[in-house]
């Protein structure tokens, strides 16, 4: 395309004519800003949440107050709904949490009123409480069965040096005894005692033999229970 002014024919000057490329440059529209440029120009504002929050947790729907989700400040839920992080929504506008929602109701019940789950759900709710970092709920669950029994057991095993090594040795002896007697099982008597004298790794071979040969003076250092 050639754009010619009204005087171009009279003057006959070829410089008065403007090429198509020049015309396109003059009438070029501003370029559409890219997403990066738009993000730099308009920073994202903190996400705002309603007082009543609809939730979609792994396809299960819940509704609760915003204050309930923020009940304990150092939890993941409080951080998620603090406004500092973006949470996607589903087609119905519910805030989506990509987590199995089977036990999320138990999490909400504790945040609402401190209610604890029944015994058969304690382990599963404990796992969810770990994921959401709800410390008060973890502390409460550890004080009820079956977690309380496991906690006591671990504390007991912590007082028994080389427990795993001793257990493996006992099983080895029991298997050997059963094979020698051609029996389906074997019985062993195990003595558990408390020793006042420190036990070091250098004493471990003595325990593996299951025989305690000590001098008369050393036996006075033992307190048996």
Protein backbone atom coordinates (compact mmCIF):
# COMPACT_ATOMS: atom_id res chain seq x y z
CA UNK A 1 0.00 0.00 0.00
CA UNK A 2 1.24 3.48 -0.90
CA UNK A 3 -0.18 6.52 0.85
CA UNK A 4 0.07 9.69 -1.23
CA UNK A 5 -0.73 13.19 -0.04
CA UNK A 6 -2.87 15.59 -2.05
CA UNK A 7 0.22 17.48 -3.25
CA UNK A 8 2.26 14.46 -4.31
CA UNK A 9 1.05 14.53 -7.90
CA UNK A 10 1.96 18.20 -8.37
CA UNK A 11 5.36 18.07 -6.75
CA UNK A 12 6.37 14.74 -8.29
CA UNK A 13 8.83 14.24 -5.41
CA UNK A 14 9.25 10.48 -4.73
CA UNK A 15 10.18 11.26 -1.12
CA UNK A 16 6.60 12.45 -0.51
CA UNK A 17 5.40 8.87 -0.98
CA UNK A 18 5.37 6.65 2.17
CA UNK A 19 5.99 2.94 1.92
CA UNK A 20 3.67 0.35 3.44
CA UNK A 21 6.21 -0.53 6.13
CA UNK A 22 6.39 3.14 7.24
CA UNK A 23 2.60 3.36 7.38
CA UNK A 24 2.32 0.21 9.44
CA UNK A 25 4.91 1.53 11.85
CA UNK A 26 2.93 4.76 12.29
CA UNK A 27 -0.38 2.97 12.92
CA UNK A 28 0.96 -0.06 14.88
CA UNK A 29 -1.10 -0.90 17.97
CA UNK A 30 0.57 -1.21 21.34
CA UNK A 31 1.76 -4.74 22.11
CA UNK A 32 -0.28 -6.75 24.60
CA UNK A 33 1.71 -7.08 27.87
CA UNK A 34 2.90 -10.57 28.71
CA UNK A 35 1.92 -12.40 31.86
CA UNK A 36 5.32 -11.68 33.37
CA UNK A 37 5.00 -7.98 32.64
CA UNK A 38 1.48 -7.91 34.03
CA UNK A 39 2.61 -9.67 37.17
CA UNK A 40 5.37 -7.15 37.67
CA UNK A 41 3.02 -4.26 37.11
CA UNK A 42 0.17 -5.58 39.28
CA UNK A 43 1.42 -7.64 42.24
CA UNK A 44 -0.98 -10.23 43.62
CA UNK A 45 -2.95 -9.09 46.64
CA UNK A 46 -3.31 -11.29 49.75
CA UNK A 47 -6.12 -13.80 49.33
CA UNK A 48 -9.27 -12.83 51.21
CA UNK A 49 -11.44 -15.50 52.87
CA UNK A 50 -15.09 -15.29 53.97
CA UNK A 51 -16.08 -15.78 57.58
CA UNK A 52 -17.80 -19.06 56.65
CA UNK A 53 -15.38 -21.17 54.60
CA UNK A 54 -16.58 -23.93 52.23
CA UNK A 55 -13.99 -26.68 51.83
CA UNK A 56 -13.35 -29.49 49.39
CA UNK A 57 -10.90 -31.94 50.95
CA UNK A 58 -10.13 -34.66 48.44
CA UNK A 59 -13.70 -34.64 47.12
CA UNK A 60 -15.42 -34.46 50.53
CA UNK A 61 -17.21 -31.23 51.43
CA UNK A 62 -17.00 -29.37 54.74
CA UNK A 63 -18.07 -25.98 56.02
CA UNK A 64 -16.53 -24.22 58.99
CA UNK A 65 -15.66 -20.81 60.35
CA UNK A 66 -12.45 -19.10 59.38
CA UNK A 67 -11.61 -18.67 63.07
CA UNK A 68 -11.80 -22.46 63.52
CA UNK A 69 -9.16 -23.04 60.85
CA UNK A 70 -6.98 -20.42 62.52
CA UNK A 71 -7.52 -21.74 66.07
CA UNK A 72 -3.83 -22.62 66.56
CA UNK A 73 -1.38 -20.26 64.89
CA UNK A 74 1.46 -22.71 64.31
CA UNK A 75 -0.59 -25.23 62.31
CA UNK A 76 -0.64 -25.78 58.57
CA UNK A 77 -4.33 -24.88 58.33
CA UNK A 78 -3.73 -21.53 60.03
CA UNK A 79 -0.90 -20.82 57.59
CA UNK A 80 -2.96 -21.88 54.56
CA UNK A 81 -5.85 -19.58 55.49
CA UNK A 82 -3.76 -16.68 56.73
CA UNK A 83 -4.00 -14.93 53.35
CA UNK A 84 -0.29 -15.28 52.64
CA UNK A 85 -0.79 -18.31 50.39
CA UNK A 86 -3.04 -18.89 47.40
CA UNK A 87 -5.54 -21.76 47.71
CA UNK A 88 -7.30 -22.94 44.53
CA UNK A 89 -11.06 -23.38 44.39
CA UNK A 90 -13.19 -25.98 42.67
CA UNK A 91 -16.00 -25.31 40.18
CA UNK A 92 -18.41 -24.48 43.02
CA UNK A 93 -16.04 -22.03 44.69
CA UNK A 94 -14.99 -24.33 47.54
CA UNK A 95 -11.39 -24.04 48.70
CA UNK A 96 -9.61 -27.21 47.65
CA UNK A 97 -7.17 -29.19 49.83
CA UNK A 98 -5.55 -32.10 48.00
CA UNK A 99 -5.76 -34.58 50.87
CA UNK A 100 -7.94 -37.55 51.77
CA UNK A 101 -10.88 -36.09 53.64
CA UNK A 102 -11.98 -39.27 55.45
CA UNK A 103 -10.74 -38.06 58.85
CA UNK A 104 -10.84 -34.32 58.25
CA UNK A 105 -14.12 -34.13 60.17
CA UNK A 106 -12.29 -35.38 63.27
CA UNK A 107 -9.70 -32.63 62.75
CA UNK A 108 -12.44 -30.00 62.59
CA UNK A 109 -14.21 -31.39 65.67
CA UNK A 110 -11.05 -30.99 67.70
CA UNK A 111 -10.47 -27.45 66.41
CA UNK A 112 -14.08 -26.56 67.19
CA UNK A 113 -14.52 -28.00 70.66
CA UNK A 114 -11.55 -30.19 71.55
CA UNK A 115 -13.38 -33.45 70.81
CA UNK A 116 -11.20 -36.54 70.31
CA UNK A 117 -11.94 -39.40 67.90
CA UNK A 118 -13.01 -42.88 69.05
CA UNK A 119 -10.31 -45.42 69.74
CA UNK A 120 -10.60 -47.21 66.39
CA UNK A 121 -9.73 -44.00 64.53
CA UNK A 122 -6.93 -42.75 66.77
CA UNK A 123 -4.07 -43.96 64.57
CA UNK A 124 -5.54 -42.52 61.37
CA UNK A 125 -6.41 -39.17 62.94
CA UNK A 126 -2.95 -39.01 64.47
CA UNK A 127 -1.47 -39.33 60.98
CA UNK A 128 -3.66 -36.49 59.71
CA UNK A 129 -2.76 -34.36 62.73
CA UNK A 130 0.91 -34.86 61.86
CA UNK A 131 0.25 -33.71 58.29
CA UNK A 132 -1.56 -30.56 59.44
CA UNK A 133 0.97 -30.00 62.27
CA UNK A 134 -1.69 -29.72 64.99
CA UNK A 135 0.48 -30.09 68.10
CA UNK A 136 -2.28 -29.97 70.76
CA UNK A 137 -4.18 -32.77 69.01
CA UNK A 138 -1.02 -34.88 68.75
CA UNK A 139 -0.39 -34.47 72.48
CA UNK A 140 -3.94 -35.53 73.34
CA UNK A 141 -3.89 -38.56 71.07
CA UNK A 142 -0.59 -39.79 72.50
CA UNK A 143 -2.24 -40.05 75.93
CA UNK A 144 -4.97 -42.49 74.84
CA UNK A 145 -4.83 -46.05 73.59
CA UNK A 146 -3.41 -47.50 71.46
CA UNK A 147 -0.81 -44.75 71.09
CA UNK A 148 -0.23 -44.52 74.84
CA UNK A 149 0.79 -48.19 74.97
CA UNK A 150 3.21 -47.70 72.11
CA UNK A 151 4.68 -44.65 73.80
CA UNK A 152 5.27 -46.60 77.03
CA UNK A 153 6.76 -49.50 75.07
CA UNK A 154 9.21 -47.26 73.26
CA UNK A 155 10.21 -45.64 76.55
CA UNK A 156 10.79 -49.10 78.05
CA UNK A 157 12.88 -50.25 75.09
CA UNK A 158 14.92 -47.07 75.38
CA UNK A 159 16.07 -48.25 78.81
CA UNK A 160 17.27 -51.61 77.47
CA UNK A 161 20.65 -51.40 75.74
CA UNK A 162 21.17 -53.62 72.71
CA UNK A 163 17.57 -54.82 72.84
CA UNK A 164 17.47 -55.69 69.16
CA UNK A 165 20.73 -57.64 69.32
CA UNK A 166 19.52 -59.61 72.34
CA UNK A 167 16.18 -60.37 70.72
CA UNK A 168 17.83 -61.69 67.57
CA UNK A 169 20.14 -63.84 69.66
CA UNK A 170 17.21 -65.27 71.66
CA UNK A 171 15.35 -66.13 68.45
CA UNK A 172 18.46 -67.78 67.04
CA UNK A 173 18.87 -69.96 70.13
CA UNK A 174 15.17 -70.87 70.15
CA UNK A 175 15.29 -71.96 66.50
CA UNK A 176 18.39 -74.06 67.14
CA UNK A 177 16.80 -75.73 70.18
CA UNK A 178 13.64 -76.51 68.22
CA UNK A 179 15.65 -78.06 65.41
CA UNK A 180 17.66 -80.18 67.85
CA UNK A 181 14.50 -81.49 69.47
CA UNK A 182 12.70 -81.78 66.13
CA UNK A 183 9.89 -79.74 67.60
CA UNK A 184 7.63 -77.11 66.11
CA UNK A 185 8.54 -74.60 68.81
CA UNK A 186 10.88 -74.08 71.73
CA UNK A 187 10.53 -72.34 75.08
CA UNK A 188 13.20 -70.14 76.61
CA UNK A 189 13.37 -68.52 80.02
CA UNK A 190 14.58 -64.92 79.84
CA UNK A 191 15.69 -62.95 82.88
CA UNK A 192 15.28 -59.17 82.69
CA UNK A 193 17.30 -57.22 85.22
CA UNK A 194 18.49 -53.74 85.98
CA UNK A 195 22.20 -53.17 86.23
CA UNK A 196 23.69 -50.29 88.16
CA UNK A 197 27.06 -50.56 86.47
CA UNK A 198 27.18 -48.78 83.06
CA UNK A 199 26.90 -51.04 80.05
CA UNK A 200 29.31 -50.23 77.24
CA UNK A 201 29.53 -51.63 73.70
CA UNK A 202 32.59 -53.62 74.82
CA UNK A 203 30.38 -55.70 77.11
CA UNK A 204 27.98 -56.67 74.34
CA UNK A 205 29.73 -60.05 73.60
CA UNK A 206 29.07 -61.13 77.20
CA UNK A 207 25.35 -60.59 76.72
CA UNK A 208 25.29 -62.48 73.43
CA UNK A 209 26.46 -65.60 75.25
CA UNK A 210 23.53 -65.23 77.67
CA UNK A 211 25.95 -66.09 80.50
CA UNK A 212 27.11 -63.57 83.07
CA UNK A 213 30.40 -64.58 84.59
CA UNK A 214 31.45 -61.87 87.01
CA UNK A 215 33.55 -61.78 90.10
CA UNK A 216 32.02 -61.68 93.55
CA UNK A 217 32.79 -57.99 93.90
CA UNK A 218 31.10 -57.19 90.61
CA UNK A 219 27.90 -58.99 91.53
CA UNK A 220 27.40 -56.52 94.35
CA UNK A 221 26.95 -53.80 91.71
CA UNK A 222 23.79 -55.48 90.39
CA UNK A 223 20.31 -54.61 91.56
CA UNK A 224 17.96 -57.33 90.38
CA UNK A 225 14.21 -56.92 89.87
